Amino acid sequence: MPDFSRRFDVLVIGGGNAALCAAISARRLGASVLVLEAAPKFYRGGNTRHTRNMRCAHDSATQHLTGPYTEDEFWDDLKRVTQGHTDEDLARFMIAQSKDMLGWIEQQGVRFQPSLGGTLSLGRTNSFFLGGGRSMLNALYRTAEELGVEVAYDAEVVDLAIEGGMFLSAEVRVNGRVETVRAGALVAAAGGFEANIAMLKQYWGDVADNFLIRGTPYNRGTVLRMLLDNGVQAVGDPTQCHAVAIDARAPRFDGGIITRLDCVVFGVVLNNVAERFYDEGEDFWPKRYAIWGRLVAGQPDQIAYIVFDAKSLTSFMPSLYPPISAPTIAELAGKFGLDPRRMDATINAFNAAVVPGTFDQTVLDDCRTEGLSPPKSHWARPVDTAPFYAYPVRPGITFTYLGTRVNREARMLMQDGKPAANMFAAGEIMAGNVLGRGYAAGIGMTIGSVFGRIAGQTAAKTVRN
């Protein structure tokens, strides 16, 4: 257990990727560093435990990536998924900085695996961690501890002392006692507020009762609220978040990536009155998968059903739970309590609207519908081969976008627009600067790594100066 009576150079609140990148980079500059992780040691790491990859710009193919992914292409993808709701200067800065991150992350002991193919379409753009997010975390913790970073688990921050934009100390509940921790600089990397259902309901209303939380139950937004209450400038819409369609049978918290469903493009998505409500083939899955959580949240009872047939069963990564099957569409409807005649009519109308083409899940193919609203722009094939399958899905919230505004130094900005004296933020708690809405696979890890490293370096230099 750390000695809480000593004064540290840098205090890092949080225990995931952003926090560790900050802790390591600060320690490498000679700062004494304390990391406060609210979770027990086994559950350390926030949402990083459930990640698989990160998206970084690069100019050529590598050992783990099949081709170049330029800064301009990265920016175009980000601009498209956010629909322009991003701080362009900060986003372009992050993208430029990301080019160094894969090498830097490897230097901290993290290993990558060969690129993946298939429906994810990420072999060129995203690097996958060997062993997934937990292995990445273990490597970062091992490096941090070898460098002399101190870590306290089950350490919940319950209050912050901030005066005029300067952090003074934190009150921390640990081992049933409240300790005062003093430090020369603060790095907040404590995530969003997605696990705080009451806070979600403030912005979403009662529909939030039907949300499932994909990640850690420890991201409750308490540190974010303390910062905003102490004059830090907010950024982001509190109703915007990284939300995907996940298996409705998933647990309320911590179901992780194995409850996500990648099969939307292979079938049709119906609400609980057996009607389609959005174009399932709008774009490649990694660029559009994160819209489906919000779309399902807007449907009656916040539930939907991904319906497909036998020819698509082995085309995607399955959920932890098997799909529900039936020999006919009407019988499949009955298993979910849907109107069999209406569901039959919806599927028949879809099948009749399909324009034959050459199906190819790796490109924006010419398989589409005609005269149907909403259309299916690509990958449209008749749902006509028994047996028929469906997954029930609900909104799965990964992290929220309301956060602290920062500058290129990862330094928090106060409500009067002035930079904080010694307070920095990284990761999900400041992701709203870059992600005003939407998401593309791996960007959360990019934000955490880039701004985590910058926050740690700048915090250490601030203390030294």
Foldseek 3Di string as FASTA:
>chain_A
DDDQVDAWAEEEEAFALLSLLLLLLLLVVPTAYEYEHQAAPVQGHWQLQQAWKAFAAEQAADQAADTGQHLVNVLVLLCVQLVNLFQVVLQSLLRVLRHCQVVVLVVLPWDFDHADDAQLLCRHGITTTDVGRVSSSVSSVVSSVVSPHHYDYSWAFQAWDDDPLATAWTWIQDPNDTGIHGHRFYEYALFFQLLALVVLCVQLNPLSVQEAAQIDNRRRCNVQVNCVVVFFDKFADQNFAQKAWFFSPADRYHSHDLRGDQCLLQAFKAAQQQAGDDASAPDRCLSARRVHQVVLSPGVSQKMKGKAADVCLPRTRHHPDDWDKDFDQLVVCVVVVYHSVSNVVNLVVLQVQWDDFDADSNDQTCTWGPPDVPIHRGNRHRRDHPTMTMGMIGMHGHGGQIAFAADNLQFTAGPVRHTRLRYGYFANRHCSNGRNHGHGRNHRSSRSNSRSNSSSNVSSVSSVD
